[in-house]
PDB file of all heavy atoms in Angstrom:
ATOM      1  N   PRO A   1       0.804  -1.222   0.029  1.00  0.00           N
ATOM      2  CA  PRO A   1      -0.023  -0.045  -0.023  1.00  0.00           C
ATOM      3  C   PRO A   1       0.914   1.291   0.032  1.00  0.00           C
ATOM      4  O   PRO A   1       1.976   1.261   0.427  1.00  0.00           O
ATOM      5  CB  PRO A   1      -0.815  -0.084   1.296  1.00  0.00           C
ATOM      6  CG  PRO A   1      -0.871  -1.574   1.558  1.00  0.00           C
ATOM      7  CD  PRO A   1       0.495  -2.157   1.070  1.00  0.00           C
ATOM      8  N   LEU A   2       0.286   2.354  -0.615  1.00  0.00           N
ATOM      9  CA  LEU A   2       0.995   3.658  -0.651  1.00  0.00           C
ATOM     10  C   LEU A   2       0.365   4.441   0.498  1.00  0.00           C
ATOM     11  O   LEU A   2      -0.598   5.238   0.320  1.00  0.00           O
ATOM     12  CB  LEU A   2       0.746   4.319  -1.985  1.00  0.00           C
ATOM     13  CG  LEU A   2       1.308   3.504  -3.227  1.00  0.00           C
ATOM     14  CD1 LEU A   2       0.678   4.168  -4.486  1.00  0.00           C
ATOM     15  CD2 LEU A   2       2.790   3.593  -3.183  1.00  0.00           C
ATOM     16  N   GLY A   3       0.864   4.213   1.805  1.00  0.00           N
ATOM     17  CA  GLY A   3       0.272   4.862   2.956  1.00  0.00           C
ATOM     18  C   GLY A   3      -1.144   4.267   3.066  1.00  0.00           C
ATOM     19  O   GLY A   3      -1.284   3.027   3.099  1.00  0.00           O
ATOM     20  N   ARG A   4      -2.095   5.052   3.153  1.00  0.00           N
ATOM     21  CA  ARG A   4      -3.613   4.607   3.300  1.00  0.00           C
ATOM     22  C   ARG A   4      -4.166   4.277   1.973  1.00  0.00           C
ATOM     23  O   ARG A   4      -5.321   3.897   1.962  1.00  0.00           O
ATOM     24  CB  ARG A   4      -4.372   5.664   4.058  1.00  0.00           C
ATOM     25  CG  ARG A   4      -4.624   6.950   3.409  1.00  0.00           C
ATOM     26  CD  ARG A   4      -5.235   7.949   4.260  1.00  0.00           C
ATOM     27  NE  ARG A   4      -5.764   9.153   3.405  1.00  0.00           N
ATOM     28  CZ  ARG A   4      -7.017   9.364   3.143  1.00  0.00           C
ATOM     29  NH1 ARG A   4      -7.990   8.663   3.645  1.00  0.00           N
ATOM     30  NH2 ARG A   4      -7.346  10.542   2.431  1.00  0.00           N
ATOM     31  N   THR A   5      -3.431   4.407   0.919  1.00  0.00           N
ATOM     32  CA  THR A   5      -4.009   4.133  -0.366  1.00  0.00           C
ATOM     33  C   THR A   5      -3.657   2.632  -0.668  1.00  0.00           C
ATOM     34  O   THR A   5      -2.529   2.211  -0.723  1.00  0.00           O
ATOM     35  CB  THR A   5      -3.308   4.951  -1.525  1.00  0.00           C
ATOM     36  OG1 THR A   5      -3.686   6.252  -1.295  1.00  0.00           O
ATOM     37  CG2 THR A   5      -3.902   4.487  -2.866  1.00  0.00           C
ATOM     38  N   ILE A   6      -4.705   1.826  -0.815  1.00  0.00           N
ATOM     39  CA  ILE A   6      -4.438   0.350  -1.091  1.00  0.00           C
ATOM     40  C   ILE A   6      -4.857   0.170  -2.539  1.00  0.00           C
ATOM     41  O   ILE A   6      -5.868   0.648  -3.052  1.00  0.00           O
ATOM     42  CB  ILE A   6      -5.394  -0.473  -0.189  1.00  0.00           C
ATOM     43  CG1 ILE A   6      -4.919  -0.374   1.288  1.00  0.00           C
ATOM     44  CG2 ILE A   6      -5.247  -1.939  -0.592  1.00  0.00           C
ATOM     45  CD1 ILE A   6      -5.643   0.691   2.008  1.00  0.00           C
ATOM     46  N   TYR A   7      -3.990  -0.522  -3.299  1.00  0.00           N
ATOM     47  CA  TYR A   7      -4.297  -0.751  -4.650  1.00  0.00           C
ATOM     48  C   TYR A   7      -3.754  -2.131  -5.063  1.00  0.00           C
ATOM     49  O   TYR A   7      -3.014  -2.744  -4.461  1.00  0.00           O
ATOM     50  CB  TYR A   7      -3.528   0.275  -5.472  1.00  0.00           C
ATOM     51  CG  TYR A   7      -1.965   0.064  -5.636  1.00  0.00           C
ATOM     52  CD1 TYR A   7      -1.447  -0.557  -6.647  1.00  0.00           C
ATOM     53  CD2 TYR A   7      -1.169   0.523  -4.576  1.00  0.00           C
ATOM     54  CE1 TYR A   7      -0.099  -0.886  -6.673  1.00  0.00           C
ATOM     55  CE2 TYR A   7       0.183   0.344  -4.674  1.00  0.00           C
ATOM     56  CZ  TYR A   7       0.681  -0.447  -5.780  1.00  0.00           C
ATOM     57  OH  TYR A   7       2.073  -0.640  -5.786  1.00  0.00           O
ATOM     58  N   ILE A   8      -4.371  -2.526  -6.229  1.00  0.00           N
ATOM     59  CA  ILE A   8      -3.854  -3.844  -6.753  1.00  0.00           C
ATOM     60  C   ILE A   8      -3.579  -3.504  -8.325  1.00  0.00           C
ATOM     61  O   ILE A   8      -4.445  -2.817  -8.910  1.00  0.00           O
ATOM     62  CB  ILE A   8      -4.808  -5.114  -6.634  1.00  0.00           C
ATOM     63  CG1 ILE A   8      -6.210  -4.917  -7.320  1.00  0.00           C
ATOM     64  CG2 ILE A   8      -4.956  -5.270  -5.215  1.00  0.00           C
ATOM     65  CD1 ILE A   8      -6.999  -6.060  -7.272  1.00  0.00           C
ATOM     66  N   THR A   9      -2.581  -4.023  -8.827  1.00  0.00           N
ATOM     67  CA  THR A   9      -2.221  -3.944 -10.378  1.00  0.00           C
ATOM     68  C   THR A   9      -1.873  -5.296 -10.708  1.00  0.00           C
ATOM     69  O   THR A   9      -0.663  -5.571 -10.910  1.00  0.00           O
ATOM     70  CB  THR A   9      -1.105  -2.912 -10.568  1.00  0.00           C
ATOM     71  OG1 THR A   9      -0.060  -3.107  -9.678  1.00  0.00           O
ATOM     72  CG2 THR A   9      -1.621  -1.496 -10.332  1.00  0.00           C
ATOM     73  N   PRO A  10      -2.745  -6.265 -10.764  1.00  0.00           N
ATOM     74  CA  PRO A  10      -2.304  -7.608 -10.963  1.00  0.00           C
ATOM     75  C   PRO A  10      -1.897  -7.842 -12.440  1.00  0.00           C
ATOM     76  O   PRO A  10      -2.161  -7.054 -13.340  1.00  0.00           O
ATOM     77  CB  PRO A  10      -3.674  -8.418 -10.731  1.00  0.00           C
ATOM     78  CG  PRO A  10      -4.759  -7.489 -11.043  1.00  0.00           C
ATOM     79  CD  PRO A  10      -4.153  -6.077 -10.687  1.00  0.00           C
ATOM     80  N   PRO A  11      -1.185  -8.981 -12.754  1.00  0.00           N
ATOM     81  CA  PRO A  11      -0.944  -9.271 -14.168  1.00  0.00           C
ATOM     82  C   PRO A  11      -2.256  -9.286 -15.072  1.00  0.00           C
ATOM     83  O   PRO A  11      -3.310  -9.695 -14.408  1.00  0.00           O
ATOM     84  CB  PRO A  11      -0.411 -10.701 -14.139  1.00  0.00           C
ATOM     85  CG  PRO A  11       0.147 -10.767 -12.722  1.00  0.00           C
ATOM     86  CD  PRO A  11      -0.707 -10.062 -11.807  1.00  0.00           C
ATOM     87  N   TYR A  12      -2.134  -8.935 -16.302  1.00  0.00           N
ATOM     88  CA  TYR A  12      -3.391  -8.840 -17.069  1.00  0.00           C
ATOM     89  C   TYR A  12      -4.043 -10.233 -17.229  1.00  0.00           C
ATOM     90  O   TYR A  12      -5.216 -10.322 -17.473  1.00  0.00           O
ATOM     91  CB  TYR A  12      -2.989  -8.356 -18.516  1.00  0.00           C
ATOM     92  CG  TYR A  12      -2.282  -7.076 -18.582  1.00  0.00           C
ATOM     93  CD1 TYR A  12      -1.524  -6.677 -19.631  1.00  0.00           C
ATOM     94  CD2 TYR A  12      -2.370  -6.071 -17.519  1.00  0.00           C
ATOM     95  CE1 TYR A  12      -0.947  -5.336 -19.745  1.00  0.00           C
ATOM     96  CE2 TYR A  12      -1.790  -4.906 -17.551  1.00  0.00           C
ATOM     97  CZ  TYR A  12      -1.029  -4.490 -18.680  1.00  0.00           C
ATOM     98  OH  TYR A  12      -0.428  -3.306 -18.758  1.00  0.00           O
ATOM     99  N   THR A  13      -3.190 -11.224 -17.027  1.00  0.00           N
ATOM    100  CA  THR A  13      -3.596 -12.641 -17.328  1.00  0.00           C
ATOM    101  C   THR A  13      -4.079 -13.293 -15.926  1.00  0.00           C
ATOM    102  O   THR A  13      -4.257 -14.558 -15.898  1.00  0.00           O
ATOM    103  CB  THR A  13      -2.537 -13.412 -17.927  1.00  0.00           C
ATOM    104  OG1 THR A  13      -1.336 -13.252 -17.071  1.00  0.00           O
ATOM    105  CG2 THR A  13      -2.197 -12.966 -19.330  1.00  0.00           C
ATOM    106  N   ILE A  14      -4.257 -12.597 -14.804  1.00  0.00           N
ATOM    107  CA  ILE A  14      -4.550 -13.175 -13.601  1.00  0.00           C
ATOM    108  C   ILE A  14      -5.857 -14.076 -13.637  1.00  0.00           C
ATOM    109  O   ILE A  14      -6.750 -13.625 -14.366  1.00  0.00           O
ATOM    110  CB  ILE A  14      -4.672 -12.138 -12.493  1.00  0.00           C
ATOM    111  CG1 ILE A  14      -4.874 -12.808 -11.045  1.00  0.00           C
ATOM    112  CG2 ILE A  14      -5.816 -11.202 -12.720  1.00  0.00           C
ATOM    113  CD1 ILE A  14      -4.603 -11.862  -9.918  1.00  0.00           C
ATOM    114  N   SER A  15      -5.917 -15.078 -12.990  1.00  0.00           N
ATOM    115  CA  SER A  15      -7.056 -15.937 -13.018  1.00  0.00           C
ATOM    116  C   SER A  15      -8.183 -15.335 -12.149  1.00  0.00           C
ATOM    117  O   SER A  15      -8.016 -14.602 -11.320  1.00  0.00           O
ATOM    118  CB  SER A  15      -6.663 -17.354 -12.479  1.00  0.00           C
ATOM    119  OG  SER A  15      -6.465 -17.292 -11.064  1.00  0.00           O
ATOM    120  N   ASP A  16      -9.419 -15.799 -12.479  1.00  0.00           N
ATOM    121  CA  ASP A  16     -10.566 -15.319 -11.697  1.00  0.00           C
ATOM    122  C   ASP A  16     -10.483 -15.765 -10.290  1.00  0.00           C
ATOM    123  O   ASP A  16     -10.784 -14.884  -9.277  1.00  0.00           O
ATOM    124  CB  ASP A  16     -11.919 -15.842 -12.396  1.00  0.00           C
ATOM    125  CG  ASP A  16     -12.175 -15.150 -13.616  1.00  0.00           C
ATOM    126  OD1 ASP A  16     -11.551 -14.211 -13.992  1.00  0.00           O
ATOM    127  OD2 ASP A  16     -13.075 -15.677 -14.422  1.00  0.00           O
ATOM    128  N   ALA A  17      -9.974 -16.899 -10.058  1.00  0.00           N
ATOM    129  CA  ALA A  17      -9.815 -17.504  -8.670  1.00  0.00           C
ATOM    130  C   ALA A  17      -8.823 -16.615  -7.902  1.00  0.00           C
ATOM    131  O   ALA A  17      -9.109 -16.362  -6.683  1.00  0.00           O
ATOM    132  CB  ALA A  17      -9.351 -18.939  -8.704  1.00  0.00           C
ATOM    133  N   SER A  18      -7.742 -16.261  -8.437  1.00  0.00           N
ATOM    134  CA  SER A  18      -6.762 -15.458  -7.782  1.00  0.00           C
ATOM    135  C   SER A  18      -7.276 -14.084  -7.473  1.00  0.00           C
ATOM    136  O   SER A  18      -7.082 -13.473  -6.417  1.00  0.00           O
ATOM    137  CB  SER A  18      -5.434 -15.321  -8.643  1.00  0.00           C
ATOM    138  OG  SER A  18      -4.784 -16.629  -8.643  1.00  0.00           O
ATOM    139  N   LEU A  19      -8.050 -13.482  -8.369  1.00  0.00           N
ATOM    140  CA  LEU A  19      -8.745 -12.114  -8.177  1.00  0.00           C
ATOM    141  C   LEU A  19      -9.662 -12.310  -7.056  1.00  0.00           C
ATOM    142  O   LEU A  19      -9.656 -11.308  -6.194  1.00  0.00           O
ATOM    143  CB  LEU A  19      -9.363 -11.688  -9.540  1.00  0.00           C
ATOM    144  CG  LEU A  19      -9.439 -10.238  -9.686  1.00  0.00           C
ATOM    145  CD1 LEU A  19      -8.156  -9.570  -9.683  1.00  0.00           C
ATOM    146  CD2 LEU A  19     -10.113  -9.867 -11.079  1.00  0.00           C
ATOM    147  N   GLU A  20     -10.352 -13.349  -6.928  1.00  0.00           N
ATOM    148  CA  GLU A  20     -11.411 -13.569  -5.804  1.00  0.00           C
ATOM    149  C   GLU A  20     -10.578 -13.679  -4.621  1.00  0.00           C
ATOM    150  O   GLU A  20     -11.075 -13.092  -3.576  1.00  0.00           O
ATOM    151  CB  GLU A  20     -12.172 -14.745  -6.156  1.00  0.00           C
ATOM    152  CG  GLU A  20     -13.306 -15.028  -5.203  1.00  0.00           C
ATOM    153  CD  GLU A  20     -14.462 -14.132  -5.344  1.00  0.00           C
ATOM    154  OE1 GLU A  20     -14.814 -13.771  -6.413  1.00  0.00           O
ATOM    155  OE2 GLU A  20     -15.044 -13.754  -4.173  1.00  0.00           O
ATOM    156  N   ARG A  21      -9.614 -14.317  -4.565  1.00  0.00           N
ATOM    157  CA  ARG A  21      -8.687 -14.442  -3.353  1.00  0.00           C
ATOM    158  C   ARG A  21      -8.208 -13.084  -2.732  1.00  0.00           C
ATOM    159  O   ARG A  21      -8.127 -12.857  -1.580  1.00  0.00           O
ATOM    160  CB  ARG A  21      -7.440 -15.372  -3.526  1.00  0.00           C
ATOM    161  CG  ARG A  21      -7.782 -16.811  -3.220  1.00  0.00           C
ATOM    162  CD  ARG A  21      -6.440 -17.648  -3.437  1.00  0.00           C
ATOM    163  NE  ARG A  21      -5.391 -17.207  -2.599  1.00  0.00           N
ATOM    164  CZ  ARG A  21      -4.116 -17.601  -2.637  1.00  0.00           C
ATOM    165  NH1 ARG A  21      -3.855 -18.464  -3.557  1.00  0.00           N
ATOM    166  NH2 ARG A  21      -3.215 -17.157  -1.755  1.00  0.00           N
ATOM    167  N   ILE A  22      -7.770 -12.257  -3.751  1.00  0.00           N
ATOM    168  CA  ILE A  22      -7.259 -10.991  -3.291  1.00  0.00           C
ATOM    169  C   ILE A  22      -8.335 -10.170  -2.643  1.00  0.00           C
ATOM    170  O   ILE A  22      -8.078  -9.537  -1.606  1.00  0.00           O
ATOM    171  CB  ILE A  22      -6.669 -10.177  -4.569  1.00  0.00           C
ATOM    172  CG1 ILE A  22      -5.461 -10.938  -5.131  1.00  0.00           C
ATOM    173  CG2 ILE A  22      -6.378  -8.786  -4.171  1.00  0.00           C
ATOM    174  CD1 ILE A  22      -5.020 -10.444  -6.382  1.00  0.00           C
ATOM    175  N   PHE A  23      -9.464 -10.007  -3.278  1.00  0.00           N
ATOM    176  CA  PHE A  23     -10.586  -9.302  -2.690  1.00  0.00           C
ATOM    177  C   PHE A  23     -11.070  -9.865  -1.440  1.00  0.00           C
ATOM    178  O   PHE A  23     -11.385  -9.069  -0.510  1.00  0.00           O
ATOM    179  CB  PHE A  23     -11.650  -9.092  -3.798  1.00  0.00           C
ATOM    180  CG  PHE A  23     -11.451  -7.962  -4.759  1.00  0.00           C
ATOM    181  CD1 PHE A  23     -10.719  -8.235  -5.965  1.00  0.00           C
ATOM    182  CD2 PHE A  23     -11.768  -6.590  -4.451  1.00  0.00           C
ATOM    183  CE1 PHE A  23     -10.478  -7.224  -6.782  1.00  0.00           C
ATOM    184  CE2 PHE A  23     -11.446  -5.614  -5.362  1.00  0.00           C
ATOM    185  CZ  PHE A  23     -10.825  -5.854  -6.583  1.00  0.00           C
ATOM    186  N   LEU A  24     -11.193 -11.185  -1.295  1.00  0.00           N
ATOM    187  CA  LEU A  24     -11.637 -11.751  -0.107  1.00  0.00           C
ATOM    188  C   LEU A  24     -10.670 -11.512   1.011  1.00  0.00           C
ATOM    189  O   LEU A  24     -10.955 -11.256   2.096  1.00  0.00           O
ATOM    190  CB  LEU A  24     -11.781 -13.216  -0.331  1.00  0.00           C
ATOM    191  CG  LEU A  24     -12.355 -14.081   0.839  1.00  0.00           C
ATOM    192  CD1 LEU A  24     -13.822 -13.514   1.175  1.00  0.00           C
ATOM    193  CD2 LEU A  24     -12.457 -15.570   0.503  1.00  0.00           C
ATOM    194  N   ALA A  25      -9.340 -11.579   0.677  1.00  0.00           N
ATOM    195  CA  ALA A  25      -8.243 -11.235   1.771  1.00  0.00           C
ATOM    196  C   ALA A  25      -8.438  -9.738   2.144  1.00  0.00           C
ATOM    197  O   ALA A  25      -8.254  -9.484   3.387  1.00  0.00           O
ATOM    198  CB  ALA A  25      -6.932 -11.608   1.233  1.00  0.00           C
ATOM    199  N   LEU A  26      -8.544  -8.926   1.301  1.00  0.00           N
ATOM    200  CA  LEU A  26      -8.723  -7.502   1.605  1.00  0.00           C
ATOM    201  C   LEU A  26      -9.913  -7.295   2.575  1.00  0.00           C
ATOM    202  O   LEU A  26      -9.756  -6.577   3.476  1.00  0.00           O
ATOM    203  CB  LEU A  26      -8.798  -6.633   0.335  1.00  0.00           C
ATOM    204  CG  LEU A  26      -7.602  -6.170  -0.438  1.00  0.00           C
ATOM    205  CD1 LEU A  26      -8.014  -5.531  -1.724  1.00  0.00           C
ATOM    206  CD2 LEU A  26      -6.749  -5.374   0.515  1.00  0.00           C
ATOM    207  N   GLU A  27     -10.932  -7.840   2.102  1.00  0.00           N
ATOM    208  CA  GLU A  27     -12.292  -7.800   2.880  1.00  0.00           C
ATOM    209  C   GLU A  27     -12.010  -8.224   4.409  1.00  0.00           C
ATOM    210  O   GLU A  27     -12.393  -7.548   5.267  1.00  0.00           O
ATOM    211  CB  GLU A  27     -13.387  -8.425   2.204  1.00  0.00           C
ATOM    212  CG  GLU A  27     -14.774  -8.465   2.880  1.00  0.00           C
ATOM    213  CD  GLU A  27     -15.779  -9.378   2.210  1.00  0.00           C
ATOM    214  OE1 GLU A  27     -15.671  -9.501   1.004  1.00  0.00           O
ATOM    215  OE2 GLU A  27     -16.527  -9.914   2.962  1.00  0.00           O
ATOM    216  N   LYS A  28     -11.526  -9.513   4.459  1.00  0.00           N
ATOM    217  CA  LYS A  28     -11.336  -9.981   5.864  1.00  0.00           C
ATOM    218  C   LYS A  28     -10.307  -9.147   6.639  1.00  0.00           C
ATOM    219  O   LYS A  28     -10.615  -8.871   7.842  1.00  0.00           O
ATOM    220  CB  LYS A  28     -10.803 -11.381   5.763  1.00  0.00           C
ATOM    221  CG  LYS A  28     -11.760 -12.486   5.133  1.00  0.00           C
ATOM    222  CD  LYS A  28     -11.147 -13.874   5.044  1.00  0.00           C
ATOM    223  CE  LYS A  28     -12.156 -14.825   4.562  1.00  0.00           C
ATOM    224  NZ  LYS A  28     -11.616 -16.331   4.542  1.00  0.00           N
ATOM    225  N   THR A  29      -9.288  -8.710   5.990  1.00  0.00           N
ATOM    226  CA  THR A  29      -8.265  -7.933   6.721  1.00  0.00           C
ATOM    227  C   THR A  29      -8.837  -6.587   7.239  1.00  0.00           C
ATOM    228  O   THR A  29      -8.762  -6.295   8.415  1.00  0.00           O
ATOM    229  CB  THR A  29      -7.078  -7.655   5.790  1.00  0.00           C
ATOM    230  OG1 THR A  29      -6.490  -8.896   5.447  1.00  0.00           O
ATOM    231  CG2 THR A  29      -6.068  -6.834   6.434  1.00  0.00           C
ATOM    232  N   LEU A  30      -9.578  -5.933   6.412  1.00  0.00           N
ATOM    233  CA  LEU A  30     -10.069  -4.554   6.793  1.00  0.00           C
ATOM    234  C   LEU A  30     -11.251  -4.751   7.690  1.00  0.00           C
ATOM    235  O   LEU A  30     -11.419  -3.875   8.560  1.00  0.00           O
ATOM    236  CB  LEU A  30     -10.530  -3.878   5.527  1.00  0.00           C
ATOM    237  CG  LEU A  30      -9.389  -3.573   4.434  1.00  0.00           C
ATOM    238  CD1 LEU A  30      -9.916  -2.685   3.423  1.00  0.00           C
ATOM    239  CD2 LEU A  30      -8.227  -2.723   5.281  1.00  0.00           C
ATOM    240  N   LEU A  31     -12.105  -5.771   7.708  1.00  0.00           N
ATOM    241  CA  LEU A  31     -13.114  -5.970   8.584  1.00  0.00           C
ATOM    242  C   LEU A  31     -12.510  -6.248   9.993  1.00  0.00           C
ATOM    243  O   LEU A  31     -13.063  -5.822  11.001  1.00  0.00           O
ATOM    244  CB  LEU A  31     -13.915  -7.140   8.225  1.00  0.00           C
ATOM    245  CG  LEU A  31     -14.979  -6.803   7.023  1.00  0.00           C
ATOM    246  CD1 LEU A  31     -15.786  -8.018   6.544  1.00  0.00           C
ATOM    247  CD2 LEU A  31     -15.922  -5.764   7.327  1.00  0.00           C
ATOM    248  N   THR A  32     -11.354  -6.994   9.964  1.00  0.00           N
ATOM    249  CA  THR A  32     -10.651  -7.218  11.325  1.00  0.00           C
ATOM    250  C   THR A  32     -10.154  -6.004  11.863  1.00  0.00           C
ATOM    251  O   THR A  32     -10.270  -5.699  13.035  1.00  0.00           O
ATOM    252  CB  THR A  32      -9.474  -8.225  10.979  1.00  0.00           C
ATOM    253  OG1 THR A  32      -9.921  -9.387  10.558  1.00  0.00           O
ATOM    254  CG2 THR A  32      -8.754  -8.441  12.369  1.00  0.00           C
ATOM    255  N   PHE A  33      -9.600  -5.024  10.986  1.00  0.00           N
ATOM    256  CA  PHE A  33      -9.258  -3.691  11.411  1.00  0.00           C
ATOM    257  C   PHE A  33     -10.356  -2.965  12.052  1.00  0.00           C
ATOM    258  O   PHE A  33     -10.244  -2.211  13.133  1.00  0.00           O
ATOM    259  CB  PHE A  33      -8.593  -2.839  10.280  1.00  0.00           C
ATOM    260  CG  PHE A  33      -7.138  -3.110  10.095  1.00  0.00           C
ATOM    261  CD1 PHE A  33      -6.754  -4.322   9.783  1.00  0.00           C
ATOM    262  CD2 PHE A  33      -6.288  -2.103  10.172  1.00  0.00           C
ATOM    263  CE1 PHE A  33      -5.347  -4.603   9.595  1.00  0.00           C
ATOM    264  CE2 PHE A  33      -4.964  -2.293   9.975  1.00  0.00           C
ATOM    265  CZ  PHE A  33      -4.475  -3.627   9.677  1.00  0.00           C
ATOM    266  N   LEU A  34     -11.601  -3.054  11.420  1.00  0.00           N
ATOM    267  CA  LEU A  34     -12.656  -2.332  12.081  1.00  0.00           C
ATOM    268  C   LEU A  34     -13.172  -2.875  13.293  1.00  0.00           C
ATOM    269  O   LEU A  34     -13.472  -2.120  14.264  1.00  0.00           O
ATOM    270  CB  LEU A  34     -13.954  -2.415  10.933  1.00  0.00           C
ATOM    271  CG  LEU A  34     -13.786  -1.543   9.709  1.00  0.00           C
ATOM    272  CD1 LEU A  34     -14.880  -1.863   8.718  1.00  0.00           C
ATOM    273  CD2 LEU A  34     -13.818  -0.167  10.036  1.00  0.00           C
ATOM    274  N   GLU A  35     -13.156  -4.123  13.439  1.00  0.00           N
ATOM    275  CA  GLU A  35     -13.476  -4.752  14.663  1.00  0.00           C
ATOM    276  C   GLU A  35     -12.544  -4.347  15.847  1.00  0.00           C
ATOM    277  O   GLU A  35     -13.033  -4.149  16.966  1.00  0.00           O
ATOM    278  CB  GLU A  35     -13.567  -6.363  14.551  1.00  0.00           C
ATOM    279  CG  GLU A  35     -14.727  -6.827  13.678  1.00  0.00           C
ATOM    280  CD  GLU A  35     -14.451  -8.323  13.297  1.00  0.00           C
ATOM    281  OE1 GLU A  35     -13.583  -8.909  13.741  1.00  0.00           O
ATOM    282  OE2 GLU A  35     -15.292  -8.860  12.547  1.00  0.00           O
ATOM    283  N   THR A  36     -11.281  -4.236  15.525  1.00  0.00           N
ATOM    284  CA  THR A  36     -10.330  -3.905  16.479  1.00  0.00           C
ATOM    285  C   THR A  36     -10.595  -2.404  16.870  1.00  0.00           C
ATOM    286  O   THR A  36     -10.386  -2.154  18.104  1.00  0.00           O
ATOM    287  CB  THR A  36      -8.881  -4.001  15.851  1.00  0.00           C
ATOM    288  OG1 THR A  36      -8.682  -5.320  15.461  1.00  0.00           O
ATOM    289  CG2 THR A  36      -7.814  -3.596  16.918  1.00  0.00           C
ATOM    290  N   GLU A  37     -10.841  -1.492  15.944  1.00  0.00           N
ATOM    291  CA  GLU A  37     -11.191  -0.189  16.295  1.00  0.00           C
ATOM    292  C   GLU A  37     -12.457  -0.020  17.194  1.00  0.00           C
ATOM    293  O   GLU A  37     -12.445   0.716  18.241  1.00  0.00           O
ATOM    294  CB  GLU A  37     -11.336   0.668  15.081  1.00  0.00           C
ATOM    295  CG  GLU A  37     -10.193   0.772  14.201  1.00  0.00           C
ATOM    296  CD  GLU A  37     -10.405   1.613  12.881  1.00  0.00           C
ATOM    297  OE1 GLU A  37     -11.595   1.911  12.680  1.00  0.00           O
ATOM    298  OE2 GLU A  37      -9.553   1.807  12.123  1.00  0.00           O
ATOM    299  N   GLU A  38     -13.341  -0.865  16.943  1.00  0.00           N
ATOM    300  CA  GLU A  38     -14.630  -0.806  17.803  1.00  0.00           C
ATOM    301  C   GLU A  38     -14.363  -1.310  19.286  1.00  0.00           C
ATOM    302  O   GLU A  38     -14.984  -0.833  20.145  1.00  0.00           O
ATOM    303  CB  GLU A  38     -15.678  -1.629  17.070  1.00  0.00           C
ATOM    304  CG  GLU A  38     -16.166  -1.116  15.815  1.00  0.00           C
ATOM    305  CD  GLU A  38     -17.198  -2.013  15.039  1.00  0.00           C
ATOM    306  OE1 GLU A  38     -17.352  -3.174  15.585  1.00  0.00           O
ATOM    307  OE2 GLU A  38     -17.706  -1.724  14.004  1.00  0.00           O
TER     308      GLU A  38
END
């Protein structure tokens, strides 16, 4: 991440399964951060 800017620039040929894994990991990670803040 670029500070608080989170980005992905995957290979153009990335599989659907890998793309799904990235977004799921981001979701779980950030939800954990939210729970910690609460």
